[in-house]
Amino acid sequence: MWNFGVLSLKLMRRDISYVKFILEGYDGLGIVTTKDRFEAEAIVTYPISRKHTLAKLLDALKREGVIEEVHDT
């Protein structure tokens, strides 16, 4: 049985597709769903077993200035 986690992201509107592209490039790392395109909010559903790798990638995107906030949901 798979266990999944969910994160909520706040990002720049112009970077929604960029974040989707990056995360989908890492096979099996997570699925990005746009929650509100006008508020630039997205949801990432990910396998718990990949949480460490996902966290490292999201930290890099935060340092890059693409992601403003990450919240567990």
PDB file of N, CA and C in Angstrom:
ATOM      1  N   MET A   1       0.840  -1.184   0.000  1.00  0.00           N
ATOM      2  CA  MET A   1       0.000   0.000   0.000  1.00  0.00           C
ATOM      3  C   MET A   1       0.884   1.247   0.000  1.00  0.00           C
ATOM      4  N   TRP A   2       0.509   2.220  -0.788  1.00  0.00           N
ATOM      5  CA  TRP A   2       1.245   3.476  -0.887  1.00  0.00           C
ATOM      6  C   TRP A   2       0.706   4.471   0.129  1.00  0.00           C
ATOM      7  N   ASN A   3       1.611   5.195   0.747  1.00  0.00           N
ATOM      8  CA  ASN A   3       1.238   6.302   1.629  1.00  0.00           C
ATOM      9  C   ASN A   3       1.656   7.593   0.953  1.00  0.00           C
ATOM     10  N   PHE A   4       0.737   8.546   0.905  1.00  0.00           N
ATOM     11  CA  PHE A   4       1.007   9.810   0.238  1.00  0.00           C
ATOM     12  C   PHE A   4       0.919  10.970   1.217  1.00  0.00           C
ATOM     13  N   GLY A   5       1.709  11.990   0.935  1.00  0.00           N
ATOM     14  CA  GLY A   5       1.650  13.240   1.670  1.00  0.00           C
ATOM     15  C   GLY A   5       1.180  14.328   0.721  1.00  0.00           C
ATOM     16  N   VAL A   6       0.758  15.441   1.292  1.00  0.00           N
ATOM     17  CA  VAL A   6       0.284  16.569   0.492  1.00  0.00           C
ATOM     18  C   VAL A   6       0.912  17.853   1.031  1.00  0.00           C
ATOM     19  N   LEU A   7       1.441  18.650   0.124  1.00  0.00           N
ATOM     20  CA  LEU A   7       1.994  19.959   0.464  1.00  0.00           C
ATOM     21  C   LEU A   7       1.258  21.030  -0.321  1.00  0.00           C
ATOM     22  N   SER A   8       1.125  22.185   0.283  1.00  0.00           N
ATOM     23  CA  SER A   8       0.541  23.341  -0.380  1.00  0.00           C
ATOM     24  C   SER A   8       1.664  24.328  -0.677  1.00  0.00           C
ATOM     25  N   LEU A   9       1.690  24.839  -1.897  1.00  0.00           N
ATOM     26  CA  LEU A   9       2.725  25.780  -2.307  1.00  0.00           C
ATOM     27  C   LEU A   9       2.125  27.130  -2.659  1.00  0.00           C
ATOM     28  N   LYS A  10       2.830  28.173  -2.326  1.00  0.00           N
ATOM     29  CA  LYS A  10       2.505  29.528  -2.774  1.00  0.00           C
ATOM     30  C   LYS A  10       3.690  29.959  -3.613  1.00  0.00           C
ATOM     31  N   LEU A  11       3.445  30.323  -4.869  1.00  0.00           N
ATOM     32  CA  LEU A  11       4.529  30.695  -5.746  1.00  0.00           C
ATOM     33  C   LEU A  11       4.165  31.891  -6.593  1.00  0.00           C
ATOM     34  N   MET A  12       5.100  32.301  -7.398  1.00  0.00           N
ATOM     35  CA  MET A  12       4.821  33.389  -8.325  1.00  0.00           C
ATOM     36  C   MET A  12       3.958  32.821  -9.456  1.00  0.00           C
ATOM     37  N   ARG A  13       2.981  33.579  -9.882  1.00  0.00           N
ATOM     38  CA  ARG A  13       2.047  33.104 -10.907  1.00  0.00           C
ATOM     39  C   ARG A  13       2.765  32.655 -12.177  1.00  0.00           C
ATOM     40  N   ARG A  14       3.767  33.407 -12.556  1.00  0.00           N
ATOM     41  CA  ARG A  14       4.499  33.090 -13.788  1.00  0.00           C
ATOM     42  C   ARG A  14       5.281  31.781 -13.686  1.00  0.00           C
ATOM     43  N   ASP A  15       5.471  31.262 -12.461  1.00  0.00           N
ATOM     44  CA  ASP A  15       6.289  30.072 -12.253  1.00  0.00           C
ATOM     45  C   ASP A  15       5.496  28.783 -12.059  1.00  0.00           C
ATOM     46  N   ILE A  16       4.181  28.838 -12.184  1.00  0.00           N
ATOM     47  CA  ILE A  16       3.363  27.633 -11.991  1.00  0.00           C
ATOM     48  C   ILE A  16       3.793  26.534 -12.959  1.00  0.00           C
ATOM     49  N   SER A  17       3.875  26.827 -14.232  1.00  0.00           N
ATOM     50  CA  SER A  17       4.225  25.793 -15.211  1.00  0.00           C
ATOM     51  C   SER A  17       5.674  25.331 -15.028  1.00  0.00           C
ATOM     52  N   TYR A  18       6.550  26.231 -14.619  1.00  0.00           N
ATOM     53  CA  TYR A  18       7.952  25.872 -14.378  1.00  0.00           C
ATOM     54  C   TYR A  18       8.054  24.841 -13.258  1.00  0.00           C
ATOM     55  N   VAL A  19       7.345  25.068 -12.150  1.00  0.00           N
ATOM     56  CA  VAL A  19       7.361  24.135 -11.027  1.00  0.00           C
ATOM     57  C   VAL A  19       6.784  22.784 -11.450  1.00  0.00           C
ATOM     58  N   LYS A  20       5.687  22.809 -12.193  1.00  0.00           N
ATOM     59  CA  LYS A  20       5.112  21.555 -12.695  1.00  0.00           C
ATOM     60  C   LYS A  20       6.124  20.805 -13.566  1.00  0.00           C
ATOM     61  N   PHE A  21       6.780  21.516 -14.445  1.00  0.00           N
ATOM     62  CA  PHE A  21       7.759  20.911 -15.346  1.00  0.00           C
ATOM     63  C   PHE A  21       8.910  20.285 -14.561  1.00  0.00           C
ATOM     64  N   ILE A  22       9.444  21.002 -13.594  1.00  0.00           N
ATOM     65  CA  ILE A  22      10.565  20.500 -12.800  1.00  0.00           C
ATOM     66  C   ILE A  22      10.157  19.259 -12.015  1.00  0.00           C
ATOM     67  N   LEU A  23       9.042  19.325 -11.292  1.00  0.00           N
ATOM     68  CA  LEU A  23       8.632  18.184 -10.464  1.00  0.00           C
ATOM     69  C   LEU A  23       8.258  16.965 -11.300  1.00  0.00           C
ATOM     70  N   GLU A  24       7.622  17.177 -12.445  1.00  0.00           N
ATOM     71  CA  GLU A  24       7.248  16.051 -13.287  1.00  0.00           C
ATOM     72  C   GLU A  24       8.468  15.444 -13.972  1.00  0.00           C
ATOM     73  N   GLY A  25       9.564  16.193 -14.047  1.00  0.00           N
ATOM     74  CA  GLY A  25      10.808  15.678 -14.612  1.00  0.00           C
ATOM     75  C   GLY A  25      11.476  14.646 -13.711  1.00  0.00           C
ATOM     76  N   TYR A  26      11.157  14.695 -12.430  1.00  0.00           N
ATOM     77  CA  TYR A  26      11.658  13.711 -11.471  1.00  0.00           C
ATOM     78  C   TYR A  26      10.608  12.614 -11.367  1.00  0.00           C
ATOM     79  N   ASP A  27      10.793  11.552 -12.107  1.00  0.00           N
ATOM     80  CA  ASP A  27       9.808  10.472 -12.201  1.00  0.00           C
ATOM     81  C   ASP A  27       9.409   9.952 -10.828  1.00  0.00           C
ATOM     82  N   GLY A  28       8.129  10.041 -10.501  1.00  0.00           N
ATOM     83  CA  GLY A  28       7.605   9.508  -9.255  1.00  0.00           C
ATOM     84  C   GLY A  28       7.808  10.383  -8.035  1.00  0.00           C
ATOM     85  N   LEU A  29       8.319  11.596  -8.226  1.00  0.00           N
ATOM     86  CA  LEU A  29       8.573  12.464  -7.077  1.00  0.00           C
ATOM     87  C   LEU A  29       7.307  13.121  -6.562  1.00  0.00           C
ATOM     88  N   GLY A  30       6.429  13.524  -7.437  1.00  0.00           N
ATOM     89  CA  GLY A  30       5.192  14.149  -7.000  1.00  0.00           C
ATOM     90  C   GLY A  30       4.349  14.608  -8.168  1.00  0.00           C
ATOM     91  N   ILE A  31       3.090  14.884  -7.866  1.00  0.00           N
ATOM     92  CA  ILE A  31       2.144  15.376  -8.858  1.00  0.00           C
ATOM     93  C   ILE A  31       1.710  16.766  -8.415  1.00  0.00           C
ATOM     94  N   VAL A  32       1.825  17.722  -9.316  1.00  0.00           N
ATOM     95  CA  VAL A  32       1.454  19.104  -9.022  1.00  0.00           C
ATOM     96  C   VAL A  32       0.083  19.392  -9.604  1.00  0.00           C
ATOM     97  N   THR A  33      -0.791  19.930  -8.771  1.00  0.00           N
ATOM     98  CA  THR A  33      -2.118  20.353  -9.189  1.00  0.00           C
ATOM     99  C   THR A  33      -2.274  21.821  -8.839  1.00  0.00           C
ATOM    100  N   THR A  34      -2.712  22.609  -9.791  1.00  0.00           N
ATOM    101  CA  THR A  34      -2.949  24.025  -9.524  1.00  0.00           C
ATOM    102  C   THR A  34      -4.250  24.174  -8.746  1.00  0.00           C
ATOM    103  N   LYS A  35      -4.140  24.762  -7.573  1.00  0.00           N
ATOM    104  CA  LYS A  35      -5.317  24.976  -6.719  1.00  0.00           C
ATOM    105  C   LYS A  35      -6.025  26.271  -7.114  1.00  0.00           C
ATOM    106  N   ASP A  36      -5.256  27.325  -7.316  1.00  0.00           N
ATOM    107  CA  ASP A  36      -5.805  28.631  -7.705  1.00  0.00           C
ATOM    108  C   ASP A  36      -4.768  29.338  -8.565  1.00  0.00           C
ATOM    109  N   ARG A  37      -5.027  29.420  -9.864  1.00  0.00           N
ATOM    110  CA  ARG A  37      -4.033  30.016 -10.761  1.00  0.00           C
ATOM    111  C   ARG A  37      -3.893  31.513 -10.571  1.00  0.00           C
ATOM    112  N   PHE A  38      -4.932  32.170 -10.092  1.00  0.00           N
ATOM    113  CA  PHE A  38      -4.851  33.618  -9.887  1.00  0.00           C
ATOM    114  C   PHE A  38      -4.070  33.968  -8.626  1.00  0.00           C
ATOM    115  N   GLU A  39      -4.190  33.136  -7.606  1.00  0.00           N
ATOM    116  CA  GLU A  39      -3.441  33.329  -6.356  1.00  0.00           C
ATOM    117  C   GLU A  39      -2.113  32.577  -6.375  1.00  0.00           C
ATOM    118  N   ALA A  40      -1.849  31.861  -7.449  1.00  0.00           N
ATOM    119  CA  ALA A  40      -0.620  31.080  -7.633  1.00  0.00           C
ATOM    120  C   ALA A  40      -0.406  30.095  -6.493  1.00  0.00           C
ATOM    121  N   GLU A  41      -1.435  29.298  -6.236  1.00  0.00           N
ATOM    122  CA  GLU A  41      -1.367  28.253  -5.215  1.00  0.00           C
ATOM    123  C   GLU A  41      -1.438  26.900  -5.902  1.00  0.00           C
ATOM    124  N   ALA A  42      -0.598  25.990  -5.440  1.00  0.00           N
ATOM    125  CA  ALA A  42      -0.560  24.648  -6.010  1.00  0.00           C
ATOM    126  C   ALA A  42      -0.499  23.619  -4.888  1.00  0.00           C
ATOM    127  N   ILE A  43      -0.874  22.397  -5.224  1.00  0.00           N
ATOM    128  CA  ILE A  43      -0.835  21.264  -4.302  1.00  0.00           C
ATOM    129  C   ILE A  43       0.129  20.235  -4.894  1.00  0.00           C
ATOM    130  N   VAL A  44       0.995  19.687  -4.053  1.00  0.00           N
ATOM    131  CA  VAL A  44       1.883  18.608  -4.476  1.00  0.00           C
ATOM    132  C   VAL A  44       1.502  17.359  -3.686  1.00  0.00           C
ATOM    133  N   THR A  45       1.144  16.311  -4.386  1.00  0.00           N
ATOM    134  CA  THR A  45       0.866  15.011  -3.779  1.00  0.00           C
ATOM    135  C   THR A  45       2.072  14.135  -4.087  1.00  0.00           C
ATOM    136  N   TYR A  46       2.638  13.539  -3.042  1.00  0.00           N
ATOM    137  CA  TYR A  46       3.900  12.815  -3.218  1.00  0.00           C
ATOM    138  C   TYR A  46       3.920  11.543  -2.370  1.00  0.00           C
ATOM    139  N   PRO A  47       4.671  10.536  -2.804  1.00  0.00           N
ATOM    140  CA  PRO A  47       4.846   9.335  -1.992  1.00  0.00           C
ATOM    141  C   PRO A  47       5.704   9.681  -0.763  1.00  0.00           C
ATOM    142  N   ILE A  48       5.291   9.251   0.399  1.00  0.00           N
ATOM    143  CA  ILE A  48       6.031   9.533   1.632  1.00  0.00           C
ATOM    144  C   ILE A  48       7.487   9.083   1.507  1.00  0.00           C
ATOM    145  N   SER A  49       7.716   8.003   0.788  1.00  0.00           N
ATOM    146  CA  SER A  49       9.081   7.490   0.636  1.00  0.00           C
ATOM    147  C   SER A  49       9.995   8.465  -0.107  1.00  0.00           C
ATOM    148  N   ARG A  50       9.438   9.445  -0.800  1.00  0.00           N
ATOM    149  CA  ARG A  50      10.237  10.424  -1.569  1.00  0.00           C
ATOM    150  C   ARG A  50      10.273  11.797  -0.902  1.00  0.00           C
ATOM    151  N   LYS A  51       9.791  11.897   0.336  1.00  0.00           N
ATOM    152  CA  LYS A  51       9.674  13.188   1.014  1.00  0.00           C
ATOM    153  C   LYS A  51      11.013  13.906   1.142  1.00  0.00           C
ATOM    154  N   HIS A  52      12.076  13.186   1.490  1.00  0.00           N
ATOM    155  CA  HIS A  52      13.389  13.811   1.675  1.00  0.00           C
ATOM    156  C   HIS A  52      13.883  14.437   0.371  1.00  0.00           C
ATOM    157  N   THR A  53      13.776  13.702  -0.714  1.00  0.00           N
ATOM    158  CA  THR A  53      14.203  14.216  -2.018  1.00  0.00           C
ATOM    159  C   THR A  53      13.359  15.411  -2.431  1.00  0.00           C
ATOM    160  N   LEU A  54      12.053  15.324  -2.229  1.00  0.00           N
ATOM    161  CA  LEU A  54      11.156  16.429  -2.561  1.00  0.00           C
ATOM    162  C   LEU A  54      11.498  17.669  -1.748  1.00  0.00           C
ATOM    163  N   ALA A  55      11.761  17.503  -0.462  1.00  0.00           N
ATOM    164  CA  ALA A  55      12.092  18.636   0.404  1.00  0.00           C
ATOM    165  C   ALA A  55      13.366  19.335  -0.077  1.00  0.00           C
ATOM    166  N   LYS A  56      14.361  18.568  -0.492  1.00  0.00           N
ATOM    167  CA  LYS A  56      15.599  19.166  -1.002  1.00  0.00           C
ATOM    168  C   LYS A  56      15.334  19.967  -2.271  1.00  0.00           C
ATOM    169  N   LEU A  57      14.512  19.430  -3.159  1.00  0.00           N
ATOM    170  CA  LEU A  57      14.188  20.133  -4.399  1.00  0.00           C
ATOM    171  C   LEU A  57      13.390  21.406  -4.115  1.00  0.00           C
ATOM    172  N   LEU A  58      12.407  21.323  -3.227  1.00  0.00           N
ATOM    173  CA  LEU A  58      11.606  22.503  -2.892  1.00  0.00           C
ATOM    174  C   LEU A  58      12.452  23.573  -2.210  1.00  0.00           C
ATOM    175  N   ASP A  59      13.403  23.170  -1.375  1.00  0.00           N
ATOM    176  CA  ASP A  59      14.322  24.139  -0.761  1.00  0.00           C
ATOM    177  C   ASP A  59      15.144  24.859  -1.820  1.00  0.00           C
ATOM    178  N   ALA A  60      15.602  24.125  -2.827  1.00  0.00           N
ATOM    179  CA  ALA A  60      16.367  24.735  -3.915  1.00  0.00           C
ATOM    180  C   ALA A  60      15.497  25.727  -4.688  1.00  0.00           C
ATOM    181  N   LEU A  61      14.242  25.373  -4.928  1.00  0.00           N
ATOM    182  CA  LEU A  61      13.334  26.283  -5.635  1.00  0.00           C
ATOM    183  C   LEU A  61      13.000  27.507  -4.793  1.00  0.00           C
ATOM    184  N   LYS A  62      12.952  27.347  -3.469  1.00  0.00           N
ATOM    185  CA  LYS A  62      12.747  28.503  -2.591  1.00  0.00           C
ATOM    186  C   LYS A  62      13.950  29.439  -2.650  1.00  0.00           C
ATOM    187  N   ARG A  63      15.154  28.871  -2.617  1.00  0.00           N
ATOM    188  CA  ARG A  63      16.373  29.703  -2.712  1.00  0.00           C
ATOM    189  C   ARG A  63      16.441  30.424  -4.059  1.00  0.00           C
ATOM    190  N   GLU A  64      15.903  29.777  -5.090  1.00  0.00           N
ATOM    191  CA  GLU A  64      15.875  30.359  -6.429  1.00  0.00           C
ATOM    192  C   GLU A  64      14.840  31.487  -6.518  1.00  0.00           C
ATOM    193  N   GLY A  65      13.914  31.531  -5.551  1.00  0.00           N
ATOM    194  CA  GLY A  65      12.892  32.573  -5.538  1.00  0.00           C
ATOM    195  C   GLY A  65      11.621  32.191  -6.271  1.00  0.00           C
ATOM    196  N   VAL A  66      11.498  30.932  -6.656  1.00  0.00           N
ATOM    197  CA  VAL A  66      10.332  30.466  -7.399  1.00  0.00           C
ATOM    198  C   VAL A  66       9.161  30.189  -6.457  1.00  0.00           C
ATOM    199  N   ILE A  67       9.461  29.537  -5.325  1.00  0.00           N
ATOM    200  CA  ILE A  67       8.436  29.193  -4.340  1.00  0.00           C
ATOM    201  C   ILE A  67       8.541  30.157  -3.170  1.00  0.00           C
ATOM    202  N   GLU A  68       7.405  30.713  -2.770  1.00  0.00           N
ATOM    203  CA  GLU A  68       7.378  31.637  -1.641  1.00  0.00           C
ATOM    204  C   GLU A  68       7.155  30.920  -0.316  1.00  0.00           C
ATOM    205  N   GLU A  69       6.229  29.958  -0.296  1.00  0.00           N
ATOM    206  CA  GLU A  69       5.862  29.257   0.944  1.00  0.00           C
ATOM    207  C   GLU A  69       5.546  27.801   0.652  1.00  0.00           C
ATOM    208  N   VAL A  70       5.827  26.943   1.653  1.00  0.00           N
ATOM    209  CA  VAL A  70       5.453  25.533   1.598  1.00  0.00           C
ATOM    210  C   VAL A  70       4.780  25.190   2.902  1.00  0.00           C
ATOM    211  N   HIS A  71       3.604  24.563   2.813  1.00  0.00           N
ATOM    212  CA  HIS A  71       2.848  24.187   4.016  1.00  0.00           C
ATOM    213  C   HIS A  71       2.397  22.739   3.901  1.00  0.00           C
ATOM    214  N   ASP A  72       2.511  22.002   5.005  1.00  0.00           N
ATOM    215  CA  ASP A  72       1.904  20.672   5.078  1.00  0.00           C
ATOM    216  C   ASP A  72       0.393  20.839   5.183  1.00  0.00           C
ATOM    217  N   THR A  73      -0.346  19.962   4.503  1.00  0.00           N
ATOM    218  CA  THR A  73      -1.798  20.015   4.620  1.00  0.00           C
ATOM    219  C   THR A  73      -2.335  18.726   5.170  1.00  0.00           C
TER     220      THR A  73
END
